[in-house]
Amino acid sequence: MASKKARGADTERAGEIDTLFQLPLGDFTAARNALATRLKKSGRAADADIVKALPKPPVSAWTLNQLFWRHRPAFNKLLEAGLRFRTAQAAQLSGRSSDIRAPLEARREALGELSKLAAGLLRETAHSPTPDMMRRITTTLEALSTYGGLENAPQPGRLTADVDPPGFETLAALVPRIGKGGEPVGPSKVLPFQHQKPARKTAGRKVDAKEAERLRVEERKAHLAAAKQALQTGERALRDARKDAAEAESRLKKAAARAKETEKVSREIEREKSAIDRRYEKAAADAEAARQDARKIAEQAEAAAEAVEDAERAVEHARRELTSLADE
């Protein structure tokens, strides 16, 4: 019961870590720390320590993790091509006739497809697919295709650093053993590079020097082709980036010119508005003065009218007085 519970906890932790590596790169650190805190509070201190120790991947490794999670068929195609290549190597080393060019070509095609997807993903996430960035990504893809699903191999989807391809001596240890019928019966152990010796035995046979050199040349050709593909992808991305930058600079200049012209018009309108405001204020003051004058004149006219009426009444009174005296 305890072992089932432990396996369940391991499965849960694995799922939580997988989710962590699928997040946007900028969210990784905060999400990792939050997950470690939550695990510790829930009594899973060992899991919390494992999560807390996970380093934030560089952009190149993060991009490869996203390729693994978002484009699994293309990723699996590369791993399968790597397995076929190792199987073909094993067949030749065991004295069997095997076509090694077909799996090499399949691997080149898979590398090219994933390189294009990586460049698109970088642009989509506001990162630049520079030649150096694409070289790092393609080199790690080569390494993953070489290691495949072997024990202790770097784990696709959880990469925290770039991966270098193994050297030829290490590669000899990665070649699967061939059983009856030419089928691989399982990989040999992955040994540290510094402990390898040039003359290893594979499937009970010593690696022939000429065959080893031929395989070394084929592998170098594969690396060279992948590097050329990465360079072409990076140069194309650089040209696109330069074109976008030139267009953006042109738009910036036009926008600056429009802003300058708009600012000029705005200043002119402001000046005109100020002049209009001043004229309006003067006109308003003149109108108020005219209203004051009109009121004064009206008052004077009213007084004059009253004076006329008073004078008319006085004249009429004097006329009646004169007529009365004349009748007597």
Foldseek 3Di string as FASTA:
>chain_A
DVVVVVVVVVVVLVVLLLVLLQDPLVCNQVSLQVVLVVCVVVVNNVSSVVSNPQARADPLLSLQLNCCVPVVVLLVQLLVLLLLLLLQLQCVQVPHDHDNVVSLVSNLVSLLVSLLVSCVVCVVSVHFLALVSLLQNSQQSVQCSLQRPAPPGDDRNRDRYGDHHADLQQSLQQRFHADPPSDGPGGHHRDDNVPGDPFDDGNNHTGDPVSSVVVNVSVVVSSVSSSVSSNVSNVVSVVVVVVVVVVVVVVVVVVVVVVVVVVVVVVVVVVVVVVVVVVVVVVVVVVVVVVVVVVVVVVVVVVVVVVVVVVVVVVVVVVVVVVVVVVD
